Amino acid sequence: VAEVCSKLDSRKMVLDVACGTGRFHPVYEAFETSVMLDSSAEMRKVCQASSRFNPESTVFHTSDLLNFESDVKFDAIICFRLLRHFQRYERKLFLEKIFVFS
């Protein structure tokens, strides 16, 4: 994740889908804004409670990607170890949604 993010020309907005505990957030410090998304309210709270997040540049949402709405175009969308949990038709929907945001 760090290697891919370091090669981006623009680092304004990053979306972390299924952010969990936020373990990749240190990589996102190079971005102006990090959007942390998780379908579990409990996991989002764990992530948000971490002291490593800058409240000025980190936004938290409880939602899955298919129901998440945003007018923002993201420079990077991270979905680490997520797609394997979906059936093929769900993966297609998921990837279509990613293209809306990129």
N, C-alpha and C. Protein backbone atom coordinates (compact mmCIF):
# COMPACT_ATOMS: atom_id res chain seq x y z
N VAL A 1 0.84 -1.19 0.00
CA VAL A 1 0.00 0.00 0.00
C VAL A 1 0.88 1.25 0.00
N ALA A 2 1.91 1.27 0.83
CA ALA A 2 2.79 2.43 0.91
C ALA A 2 3.49 2.68 -0.42
N GLU A 3 3.95 1.62 -1.06
CA GLU A 3 4.66 1.77 -2.33
C GLU A 3 3.76 2.35 -3.41
N VAL A 4 2.55 1.84 -3.50
CA VAL A 4 1.60 2.33 -4.51
C VAL A 4 1.26 3.79 -4.24
N CYS A 5 0.95 4.13 -3.00
CA CYS A 5 0.59 5.51 -2.66
C CYS A 5 1.74 6.48 -2.91
N SER A 6 2.95 6.04 -2.69
CA SER A 6 4.10 6.93 -2.88
C SER A 6 4.33 7.29 -4.35
N LYS A 7 3.77 6.52 -5.27
CA LYS A 7 3.96 6.75 -6.71
C LYS A 7 2.86 7.61 -7.34
N LEU A 8 1.88 8.01 -6.56
CA LEU A 8 0.78 8.81 -7.09
C LEU A 8 1.21 10.24 -7.33
N ASP A 9 0.74 10.82 -8.43
CA ASP A 9 1.05 12.23 -8.72
C ASP A 9 0.28 13.17 -7.81
N SER A 10 -0.97 12.83 -7.53
CA SER A 10 -1.81 13.65 -6.69
C SER A 10 -2.11 12.91 -5.39
N ARG A 11 -2.00 13.62 -4.29
CA ARG A 11 -2.28 13.01 -2.99
C ARG A 11 -3.22 13.90 -2.17
N LYS A 12 -4.36 14.20 -2.76
CA LYS A 12 -5.32 15.04 -2.05
C LYS A 12 -6.27 14.21 -1.20
N MET A 13 -6.89 13.19 -1.83
CA MET A 13 -7.93 12.43 -1.14
C MET A 13 -7.68 10.93 -1.27
N VAL A 14 -7.79 10.23 -0.14
CA VAL A 14 -7.70 8.77 -0.14
C VAL A 14 -8.92 8.22 0.57
N LEU A 15 -9.47 7.14 0.03
CA LEU A 15 -10.60 6.45 0.63
C LEU A 15 -10.13 5.06 1.04
N ASP A 16 -10.26 4.74 2.31
CA ASP A 16 -9.91 3.41 2.81
C ASP A 16 -11.21 2.67 3.08
N VAL A 17 -11.53 1.72 2.19
CA VAL A 17 -12.76 0.93 2.29
C VAL A 17 -12.49 -0.26 3.20
N ALA A 18 -13.37 -0.47 4.18
CA ALA A 18 -13.17 -1.51 5.20
C ALA A 18 -11.88 -1.21 5.96
N CYS A 19 -11.81 -0.02 6.52
CA CYS A 19 -10.58 0.48 7.15
C CYS A 19 -10.18 -0.29 8.40
N GLY A 20 -11.13 -1.01 9.00
CA GLY A 20 -10.77 -1.78 10.20
C GLY A 20 -10.21 -0.88 11.29
N THR A 21 -9.08 -1.24 11.81
CA THR A 21 -8.44 -0.46 12.89
C THR A 21 -7.65 0.74 12.37
N GLY A 22 -7.57 0.86 11.04
CA GLY A 22 -6.85 1.99 10.47
C GLY A 22 -5.36 1.76 10.35
N ARG A 23 -4.96 0.52 10.23
CA ARG A 23 -3.53 0.20 10.24
C ARG A 23 -2.74 0.84 9.12
N PHE A 24 -3.39 1.21 8.01
CA PHE A 24 -2.67 1.86 6.92
C PHE A 24 -2.67 3.38 7.02
N HIS A 25 -3.32 3.90 8.02
CA HIS A 25 -3.43 5.35 8.12
C HIS A 25 -2.09 6.08 8.11
N PRO A 26 -1.03 5.56 8.71
CA PRO A 26 0.26 6.27 8.61
C PRO A 26 0.70 6.52 7.16
N VAL A 27 0.32 5.65 6.26
CA VAL A 27 0.63 5.83 4.83
C VAL A 27 -0.13 7.04 4.28
N TYR A 28 -1.31 7.28 4.81
CA TYR A 28 -2.18 8.33 4.29
C TYR A 28 -1.80 9.72 4.78
N GLU A 29 -0.83 9.84 5.63
CA GLU A 29 -0.43 11.16 6.13
C GLU A 29 0.07 12.06 5.01
N ALA A 30 0.47 11.48 3.88
CA ALA A 30 0.91 12.27 2.73
C ALA A 30 -0.28 12.89 1.98
N PHE A 31 -1.49 12.45 2.29
CA PHE A 31 -2.69 12.97 1.64
C PHE A 31 -3.27 14.13 2.45
N GLU A 32 -3.93 15.04 1.76
CA GLU A 32 -4.57 16.15 2.46
C GLU A 32 -5.73 15.67 3.31
N THR A 33 -6.49 14.69 2.79
CA THR A 33 -7.66 14.18 3.51
C THR A 33 -7.74 12.67 3.37
N SER A 34 -8.02 11.99 4.48
CA SER A 34 -8.24 10.55 4.50
C SER A 34 -9.69 10.31 4.88
N VAL A 35 -10.37 9.48 4.10
CA VAL A 35 -11.74 9.09 4.40
C VAL A 35 -11.71 7.62 4.78
N MET A 36 -12.06 7.34 6.02
CA MET A 36 -12.03 5.99 6.57
C MET A 36 -13.45 5.44 6.60
N LEU A 37 -13.67 4.35 5.87
CA LEU A 37 -15.00 3.79 5.70
C LEU A 37 -15.02 2.35 6.20
N ASP A 38 -16.00 2.04 7.04
CA ASP A 38 -16.17 0.66 7.49
C ASP A 38 -17.66 0.40 7.70
N SER A 39 -18.12 -0.79 7.33
CA SER A 39 -19.53 -1.12 7.49
C SER A 39 -19.90 -1.41 8.94
N SER A 40 -18.91 -1.66 9.77
CA SER A 40 -19.14 -1.94 11.18
C SER A 40 -18.98 -0.67 12.01
N ALA A 41 -20.06 -0.25 12.67
CA ALA A 41 -19.99 0.93 13.53
C ALA A 41 -18.98 0.71 14.66
N GLU A 42 -18.95 -0.50 15.16
CA GLU A 42 -18.01 -0.81 16.26
C GLU A 42 -16.56 -0.69 15.79
N MET A 43 -16.27 -1.21 14.62
CA MET A 43 -14.90 -1.13 14.11
C MET A 43 -14.53 0.31 13.78
N ARG A 44 -15.49 1.07 13.23
CA ARG A 44 -15.23 2.48 12.96
C ARG A 44 -14.91 3.23 14.25
N LYS A 45 -15.61 2.90 15.33
CA LYS A 45 -15.33 3.54 16.62
C LYS A 45 -13.94 3.19 17.12
N VAL A 46 -13.53 1.94 16.95
CA VAL A 46 -12.18 1.52 17.35
C VAL A 46 -11.15 2.31 16.54
N CYS A 47 -11.38 2.40 15.27
CA CYS A 47 -10.48 3.14 14.38
C CYS A 47 -10.42 4.62 14.78
N GLN A 48 -11.56 5.21 14.98
CA GLN A 48 -11.65 6.63 15.29
C GLN A 48 -11.05 6.95 16.66
N ALA A 49 -11.11 6.01 17.58
CA ALA A 49 -10.58 6.25 18.93
C ALA A 49 -9.06 6.26 18.97
N SER A 50 -8.45 5.78 17.91
CA SER A 50 -6.99 5.75 17.87
C SER A 50 -6.45 7.18 17.90
N SER A 51 -5.42 7.39 18.67
CA SER A 51 -4.84 8.72 18.82
C SER A 51 -4.01 9.14 17.61
N ARG A 52 -3.80 8.23 16.65
CA ARG A 52 -2.92 8.55 15.53
C ARG A 52 -3.60 9.36 14.43
N PHE A 53 -4.89 9.62 14.55
CA PHE A 53 -5.60 10.33 13.50
C PHE A 53 -5.67 11.82 13.76
N ASN A 54 -5.41 12.60 12.73
CA ASN A 54 -5.55 14.04 12.81
C ASN A 54 -7.01 14.37 12.50
N PRO A 55 -7.76 14.91 13.47
CA PRO A 55 -9.18 15.19 13.24
C PRO A 55 -9.41 16.24 12.16
N GLU A 56 -8.38 17.03 11.85
CA GLU A 56 -8.50 18.07 10.82
C GLU A 56 -8.49 17.46 9.41
N SER A 57 -7.86 16.29 9.26
CA SER A 57 -7.69 15.74 7.91
C SER A 57 -8.25 14.32 7.74
N THR A 58 -8.94 13.81 8.76
CA THR A 58 -9.49 12.45 8.68
C THR A 58 -11.00 12.49 8.91
N VAL A 59 -11.72 11.84 8.01
CA VAL A 59 -13.18 11.77 8.09
C VAL A 59 -13.56 10.30 8.22
N PHE A 60 -14.49 10.00 9.10
CA PHE A 60 -14.94 8.63 9.36
C PHE A 60 -16.39 8.45 8.93
N HIS A 61 -16.69 7.33 8.28
CA HIS A 61 -18.05 7.00 7.87
C HIS A 61 -18.34 5.54 8.19
N THR A 62 -19.57 5.28 8.62
CA THR A 62 -20.03 3.90 8.79
C THR A 62 -20.94 3.59 7.62
N SER A 63 -20.44 2.76 6.71
CA SER A 63 -21.19 2.37 5.54
C SER A 63 -20.38 1.32 4.79
N ASP A 64 -21.07 0.54 3.96
CA ASP A 64 -20.32 -0.28 3.03
C ASP A 64 -20.16 0.55 1.75
N LEU A 65 -19.27 0.15 0.89
CA LEU A 65 -18.98 0.94 -0.29
C LEU A 65 -20.18 1.08 -1.21
N LEU A 66 -20.97 0.03 -1.36
CA LEU A 66 -22.10 0.09 -2.29
C LEU A 66 -23.16 1.10 -1.87
N ASN A 67 -23.25 1.41 -0.58
CA ASN A 67 -24.22 2.38 -0.08
C ASN A 67 -23.60 3.74 0.24
N PHE A 68 -22.31 3.85 0.11
CA PHE A 68 -21.59 5.09 0.40
C PHE A 68 -21.79 6.08 -0.75
N GLU A 69 -22.14 7.30 -0.41
CA GLU A 69 -22.34 8.35 -1.42
C GLU A 69 -21.35 9.48 -1.18
N SER A 70 -20.77 9.96 -2.26
CA SER A 70 -19.84 11.08 -2.18
C SER A 70 -19.72 11.72 -3.54
N ASP A 71 -19.58 13.04 -3.56
CA ASP A 71 -19.33 13.77 -4.80
C ASP A 71 -17.83 13.90 -5.06
N VAL A 72 -17.04 13.42 -4.14
CA VAL A 72 -15.58 13.56 -4.21
C VAL A 72 -14.98 12.52 -5.14
N LYS A 73 -13.97 12.92 -5.89
CA LYS A 73 -13.15 11.98 -6.66
C LYS A 73 -11.89 11.73 -5.84
N PHE A 74 -11.57 10.48 -5.62
CA PHE A 74 -10.44 10.10 -4.78
C PHE A 74 -9.21 9.81 -5.64
N ASP A 75 -8.05 10.19 -5.13
CA ASP A 75 -6.78 9.90 -5.81
C ASP A 75 -6.38 8.45 -5.60
N ALA A 76 -6.79 7.89 -4.48
CA ALA A 76 -6.50 6.48 -4.19
C ALA A 76 -7.68 5.89 -3.42
N ILE A 77 -8.01 4.64 -3.75
CA ILE A 77 -9.05 3.91 -3.04
C ILE A 77 -8.42 2.59 -2.62
N ILE A 78 -8.30 2.39 -1.32
CA ILE A 78 -7.66 1.20 -0.77
C ILE A 78 -8.73 0.23 -0.28
N CYS A 79 -8.64 -1.01 -0.74
CA CYS A 79 -9.58 -2.07 -0.34
C CYS A 79 -8.74 -3.31 -0.03
N PHE A 80 -7.94 -3.24 0.97
CA PHE A 80 -6.98 -4.30 1.27
C PHE A 80 -7.69 -5.56 1.77
N ARG A 81 -7.48 -6.67 1.09
CA ARG A 81 -8.04 -7.98 1.44
C ARG A 81 -9.56 -7.98 1.60
N LEU A 82 -10.22 -7.24 0.75
CA LEU A 82 -11.67 -7.12 0.87
C LEU A 82 -12.42 -7.91 -0.19
N LEU A 83 -12.01 -7.81 -1.43
CA LEU A 83 -12.77 -8.42 -2.53
C LEU A 83 -12.94 -9.92 -2.40
N ARG A 84 -12.00 -10.57 -1.76
CA ARG A 84 -12.10 -12.03 -1.64
C ARG A 84 -13.32 -12.48 -0.83
N HIS A 85 -13.93 -11.57 -0.11
CA HIS A 85 -15.10 -11.91 0.70
C HIS A 85 -16.41 -11.84 -0.08
N PHE A 86 -16.34 -11.44 -1.36
CA PHE A 86 -17.52 -11.26 -2.17
C PHE A 86 -17.62 -12.31 -3.28
N GLN A 87 -18.84 -12.58 -3.68
CA GLN A 87 -19.07 -13.43 -4.85
C GLN A 87 -18.72 -12.63 -6.10
N ARG A 88 -18.56 -13.34 -7.21
CA ARG A 88 -18.13 -12.69 -8.46
C ARG A 88 -19.06 -11.53 -8.86
N TYR A 89 -20.38 -11.72 -8.81
CA TYR A 89 -21.30 -10.64 -9.21
C TYR A 89 -21.19 -9.45 -8.26
N GLU A 90 -20.92 -9.71 -6.97
CA GLU A 90 -20.75 -8.62 -6.01
C GLU A 90 -19.46 -7.86 -6.27
N ARG A 91 -18.43 -8.57 -6.67
CA ARG A 91 -17.15 -7.92 -7.01
C ARG A 91 -17.33 -6.95 -8.16
N LYS A 92 -18.12 -7.36 -9.14
CA LYS A 92 -18.38 -6.50 -10.29
C LYS A 92 -19.06 -5.20 -9.82
N LEU A 93 -20.07 -5.30 -8.99
CA LEU A 93 -20.75 -4.11 -8.45
C LEU A 93 -19.79 -3.24 -7.66
N PHE A 94 -18.97 -3.88 -6.87
CA PHE A 94 -17.98 -3.20 -6.04
C PHE A 94 -17.01 -2.40 -6.92
N LEU A 95 -16.48 -3.05 -7.94
CA LEU A 95 -15.51 -2.39 -8.83
C LEU A 95 -16.17 -1.27 -9.64
N GLU A 96 -17.41 -1.45 -10.03
CA GLU A 96 -18.12 -0.37 -10.72
C GLU A 96 -18.25 0.84 -9.82
N LYS A 97 -18.54 0.61 -8.56
CA LYS A 97 -18.67 1.72 -7.61
C LYS A 97 -17.33 2.44 -7.43
N ILE A 98 -16.25 1.68 -7.38
CA ILE A 98 -14.92 2.29 -7.25
C ILE A 98 -14.65 3.24 -8.43
N PHE A 99 -15.02 2.82 -9.63
CA PHE A 99 -14.78 3.68 -10.80
C PHE A 99 -15.59 4.97 -10.74
N VAL A 100 -16.70 4.97 -10.04
CA VAL A 100 -17.48 6.20 -9.86
C VAL A 100 -16.67 7.23 -9.05
N PHE A 101 -15.90 6.74 -8.09
CA PHE A 101 -15.16 7.61 -7.19
C PHE A 101 -13.75 7.94 -7.67
N SER A 102 -13.32 7.34 -8.76
CA SER A 102 -11.93 7.61 -9.20
C SER A 102 -11.87 8.35 -10.50
